[in-house]
């Protein structure tokens, strides 16, 4: 006969309490925020609930409410967590093209780590901590653009273009990924360009058909083209 434990939850029943046992991590806004990011990436931001977060963290919903006010507050915690991972730089005005290109690549990687972040921000009121952190990031970028000689009148537009170029591309990548997953007939985005889709069409698409033999660019190559155009725009306006 097997001895049964004299304390703790019954065998096969997960522990679900607010205060973790000794040796397990304490429930914090940081842990909740990271759980939101994981849950949103797995299931979609609109399906994140306090119950699903409690299940992911192996605690009770009541334990969550001791740390965050509600679902929206949990989403704010997630944005704050992601915001602390925003890439630093660029820093060297003398090598600004290399530094800014590297920053754009790091920012793209950041968006790819958090593919639902833009939708969370768009649908949830943010608190002062999140807004202040975003402003500090923009202030650092504006300072760099001023240091490389961009005219003050162009700095706000330059910041918008840097972030918009990267964020927009990341959103397109995420959309293409979801579309490919929803339609098994569509291959990877780089293999299903308008030109490749037009290859078997009639003569109503003559120009796209003429390009069907051109090897499609990879996602990385497409991104680098966007960055190249951004650098050209900035270079033309440095006074």
Protein backbone atom coordinates (compact mmCIF):
# COMPACT_ATOMS: atom_id res chain seq x y z
CA UNK A 1 0.00 0.00 0.00
CA UNK A 2 1.38 3.39 -1.05
CA UNK A 3 1.67 6.03 1.64
CA UNK A 4 -0.36 9.16 0.86
CA UNK A 5 0.94 12.63 1.68
CA UNK A 6 -0.41 14.07 4.91
CA UNK A 7 -0.46 17.69 3.66
CA UNK A 8 -0.90 19.66 0.45
CA UNK A 9 -3.47 19.18 -2.30
CA UNK A 10 -4.78 15.70 -3.09
CA UNK A 11 -2.74 13.73 -5.63
CA UNK A 12 -3.32 14.96 -9.21
CA UNK A 13 -4.80 18.28 -8.09
CA UNK A 14 -2.69 21.32 -8.96
CA UNK A 15 -1.92 23.77 -6.19
CA UNK A 16 -3.96 26.97 -6.73
CA UNK A 17 -3.44 29.45 -3.96
CA UNK A 18 -2.54 33.09 -3.76
CA UNK A 19 0.64 32.78 -1.71
CA UNK A 20 3.14 30.42 -3.38
CA UNK A 21 4.83 27.74 -1.31
CA UNK A 22 8.42 28.27 -0.25
CA UNK A 23 10.74 28.20 -3.24
CA UNK A 24 8.11 29.21 -5.82
CA UNK A 25 8.09 32.73 -7.35
CA UNK A 26 5.94 35.40 -5.75
CA UNK A 27 2.99 36.71 -7.72
CA UNK A 28 3.88 40.21 -8.98
CA UNK A 29 2.77 42.65 -11.67
CA UNK A 30 5.83 41.56 -13.64
CA UNK A 31 4.76 37.90 -13.62
CA UNK A 32 1.17 38.78 -14.45
CA UNK A 33 2.30 41.05 -17.28
CA UNK A 34 4.47 38.33 -18.78
CA UNK A 35 1.62 35.85 -18.45
CA UNK A 36 -0.62 38.26 -20.37
CA UNK A 37 1.95 38.49 -23.17
CA UNK A 38 2.25 34.70 -23.34
CA UNK A 39 -1.50 34.18 -23.19
CA UNK A 40 -2.18 36.83 -25.83
CA UNK A 41 0.48 35.39 -28.14
CA UNK A 42 -0.98 31.88 -27.78
CA UNK A 43 -4.69 32.66 -27.87
CA UNK A 44 -5.14 36.28 -28.98
CA UNK A 45 -5.43 39.44 -26.90
CA UNK A 46 -9.24 39.39 -26.93
CA UNK A 47 -9.29 35.96 -25.25
CA UNK A 48 -7.18 36.95 -22.26
CA UNK A 49 -9.32 36.75 -19.13
CA UNK A 50 -8.58 36.79 -15.43
CA UNK A 51 -9.54 33.12 -15.32
CA UNK A 52 -7.17 32.19 -18.16
CA UNK A 53 -4.36 34.13 -16.49
CA UNK A 54 -5.04 32.42 -13.18
CA UNK A 55 -4.88 29.04 -14.92
CA UNK A 56 -1.59 29.93 -16.62
CA UNK A 57 -0.06 31.11 -13.34
CA UNK A 58 -1.59 28.27 -11.28
CA UNK A 59 -3.24 30.65 -8.81
CA UNK A 60 -6.80 31.64 -8.04
CA UNK A 61 -8.43 34.63 -9.76
CA UNK A 62 -8.77 36.16 -6.28
CA UNK A 63 -4.98 36.12 -5.97
CA UNK A 64 -4.70 38.11 -9.20
CA UNK A 65 -7.10 40.76 -7.93
CA UNK A 66 -4.74 41.39 -5.02
CA UNK A 67 -2.08 42.56 -7.51
CA UNK A 68 -4.05 44.05 -10.43
CA UNK A 69 -7.42 45.79 -10.35
CA UNK A 70 -8.97 44.05 -13.34
CA UNK A 71 -8.28 42.69 -16.81
CA UNK A 72 -7.40 46.11 -18.22
CA UNK A 73 -4.89 46.65 -15.44
CA UNK A 74 -3.34 43.27 -16.25
CA UNK A 75 -3.02 44.37 -19.88
CA UNK A 76 -1.36 47.60 -18.74
CA UNK A 77 1.10 45.52 -16.71
CA UNK A 78 1.90 43.55 -19.87
CA UNK A 79 2.64 46.71 -21.85
CA UNK A 80 4.87 47.97 -19.03
CA UNK A 81 6.81 44.69 -19.04
CA UNK A 82 7.28 44.80 -22.81
CA UNK A 83 8.19 48.48 -22.70
CA UNK A 84 11.15 47.79 -20.45
CA UNK A 85 12.56 45.59 -23.23
CA UNK A 86 12.45 48.41 -25.81
CA UNK A 87 15.87 48.43 -27.50
CA UNK A 88 18.30 51.14 -26.50
CA UNK A 89 20.08 53.33 -29.00
CA UNK A 90 21.16 54.32 -31.52
CA UNK A 91 23.92 56.32 -29.88
CA UNK A 92 26.74 57.30 -32.30
CA UNK A 93 25.81 60.23 -34.56
CA UNK A 94 29.01 59.75 -36.59
CA UNK A 95 27.87 56.28 -37.68
CA UNK A 96 24.19 57.07 -37.73
CA UNK A 97 23.18 54.93 -40.73
CA UNK A 98 24.66 51.74 -39.24
CA UNK A 99 23.33 52.57 -35.78
CA UNK A 100 19.82 53.40 -36.94
CA UNK A 101 19.64 50.32 -39.18
CA UNK A 102 20.69 48.17 -36.21
CA UNK A 103 18.11 49.88 -34.00
CA UNK A 104 15.39 49.16 -36.58
CA UNK A 105 16.33 45.48 -36.67
CA UNK A 106 16.28 45.29 -32.87
CA UNK A 107 12.93 47.08 -32.78
CA UNK A 108 11.52 44.63 -35.33
CA UNK A 109 12.71 41.74 -33.13
CA UNK A 110 10.98 43.43 -30.16
CA UNK A 111 7.68 43.67 -32.03
CA UNK A 112 8.02 40.04 -33.12
CA UNK A 113 8.47 38.96 -29.51
CA UNK A 114 5.23 40.77 -28.67
CA UNK A 115 3.05 40.39 -31.78
CA UNK A 116 -0.18 41.53 -30.09
CA UNK A 117 1.24 44.54 -28.28
CA UNK A 118 -0.06 47.17 -30.70
CA UNK A 119 -3.57 45.77 -30.43
CA UNK A 120 -3.42 45.80 -26.63
CA UNK A 121 -2.27 49.42 -26.62
CA UNK A 122 -4.97 50.40 -29.11
CA UNK A 123 -7.78 48.80 -27.11
CA UNK A 124 -6.78 49.51 -23.50
CA UNK A 125 -6.34 52.80 -21.61
CA UNK A 126 -2.71 53.08 -20.54
CA UNK A 127 -1.54 54.54 -17.23
CA UNK A 128 1.01 57.29 -16.64
CA UNK A 129 3.89 54.85 -16.18
CA UNK A 130 3.39 53.38 -19.65
CA UNK A 131 2.85 56.76 -21.30
CA UNK A 132 5.91 58.26 -19.59
CA UNK A 133 8.09 55.32 -20.66
CA UNK A 134 6.93 55.68 -24.27
CA UNK A 135 7.69 59.40 -24.18
CA UNK A 136 11.18 58.73 -22.83
CA UNK A 137 11.82 56.33 -25.72
CA UNK A 138 10.64 58.95 -28.22
CA UNK A 139 12.72 61.63 -26.49
CA UNK A 140 15.86 59.52 -26.88
CA UNK A 141 15.10 58.91 -30.56
CA UNK A 142 14.37 62.60 -31.14
CA UNK A 143 17.67 63.52 -29.46
CA UNK A 144 19.53 61.16 -31.78
CA UNK A 145 17.85 62.59 -34.89
CA UNK A 146 18.76 66.11 -33.78
CA UNK A 147 22.36 65.00 -33.13
CA UNK A 148 22.77 63.67 -36.67
CA UNK A 149 21.66 67.03 -38.07
CA UNK A 150 17.99 66.52 -38.88
CA UNK A 151 16.16 69.82 -38.97
CA UNK A 152 13.93 70.38 -35.93
CA UNK A 153 10.92 70.76 -38.22
CA UNK A 154 11.51 67.20 -39.50
CA UNK A 155 12.26 65.47 -36.18
CA UNK A 156 8.67 64.58 -35.24
CA UNK A 157 8.07 63.17 -38.70
CA UNK A 158 11.37 61.31 -38.51
CA UNK A 159 10.35 59.64 -35.23
CA UNK A 160 7.00 58.69 -36.73
CA UNK A 161 8.69 57.20 -39.80
CA UNK A 162 11.20 55.16 -37.80
CA UNK A 163 8.57 53.65 -35.51
CA UNK A 164 5.90 53.45 -38.21
CA UNK A 165 8.22 51.71 -40.67
CA UNK A 166 9.14 49.01 -38.18
CA UNK A 167 5.78 48.64 -36.45
CA UNK A 168 3.91 48.62 -39.75
CA UNK A 169 6.15 45.93 -41.19
CA UNK A 170 5.81 43.86 -38.01
CA UNK A 171 2.02 44.12 -38.21
CA UNK A 172 2.06 43.01 -41.85
CA UNK A 173 4.29 40.07 -40.93
CA UNK A 174 1.88 39.06 -38.18
CA UNK A 175 -1.11 39.41 -40.50
CA UNK A 176 0.60 37.30 -43.17
CA UNK A 177 1.43 34.66 -40.57
CA UNK A 178 -2.19 34.49 -39.38
CA UNK A 179 -3.49 34.38 -42.95
CA UNK A 180 -1.15 31.52 -43.85
CA UNK A 181 -2.20 29.59 -40.74
CA UNK A 182 -5.89 30.10 -41.56
CA UNK A 183 -5.54 28.95 -45.18
CA UNK A 184 -3.42 25.80 -45.60
CA UNK A 185 -3.40 26.34 -49.37
CA UNK A 186 -1.32 29.47 -49.00
CA UNK A 187 2.34 28.84 -48.42
CA UNK A 188 4.82 31.09 -46.64
CA UNK A 189 4.22 34.79 -47.45
CA UNK A 190 7.48 35.08 -49.41
CA UNK A 191 6.28 32.26 -51.69
CA UNK A 192 2.83 33.71 -52.38
CA UNK A 193 3.46 37.20 -53.73
CA UNK A 194 0.97 38.82 -56.13
CA UNK A 195 3.28 37.85 -58.99
CA UNK A 196 3.39 34.15 -58.03
CA UNK A 197 -0.39 34.08 -57.53
CA UNK A 198 -0.84 35.61 -60.98
CA UNK A 199 1.36 33.00 -62.70
CA UNK A 200 -1.59 30.75 -63.59
CA UNK A 201 -4.07 33.54 -64.25
CA UNK A 202 -5.38 34.73 -67.59
CA UNK A 203 -4.09 37.75 -69.48
CA UNK A 204 -6.04 40.12 -67.25
CA UNK A 205 -2.86 40.35 -65.12
CA UNK A 206 -0.13 40.64 -67.77
CA UNK A 207 2.35 42.69 -65.73
CA UNK A 208 2.25 40.48 -62.66
CA UNK A 209 2.50 37.38 -64.85
CA UNK A 210 5.62 38.80 -66.46
CA UNK A 211 7.22 38.99 -62.99
CA UNK A 212 6.30 35.47 -61.89
CA UNK A 213 9.75 34.13 -62.76
CA UNK A 214 11.52 36.63 -60.45
CA UNK A 215 12.53 34.95 -57.16
CA UNK A 216 10.45 36.49 -54.35
CA UNK A 217 12.26 38.40 -51.64
CA UNK A 218 12.46 36.96 -48.15
CA UNK A 219 10.88 38.79 -45.23
CA UNK A 220 14.32 39.93 -44.09
CA UNK A 221 15.14 41.29 -47.54
CA UNK A 222 11.82 43.13 -47.69
CA UNK A 223 12.46 44.65 -44.28
CA UNK A 224 15.93 45.82 -45.26
CA UNK A 225 14.39 47.56 -48.29
CA UNK A 226 12.05 49.47 -45.97
CA UNK A 227 14.98 50.48 -43.76
CA UNK A 228 16.98 51.56 -46.81
CA UNK A 229 14.15 53.86 -47.92
CA UNK A 230 13.93 55.29 -44.40
CA UNK A 231 17.67 56.03 -44.33
CA UNK A 232 17.46 57.68 -47.76
CA UNK A 233 14.64 59.94 -46.56
CA UNK A 234 16.60 60.95 -43.45
CA UNK A 235 19.81 61.49 -45.40
CA UNK A 236 18.07 63.81 -47.84
CA UNK A 237 16.85 66.02 -44.98
CA UNK A 238 19.97 66.29 -42.88
CA UNK A 239 21.03 69.91 -43.15
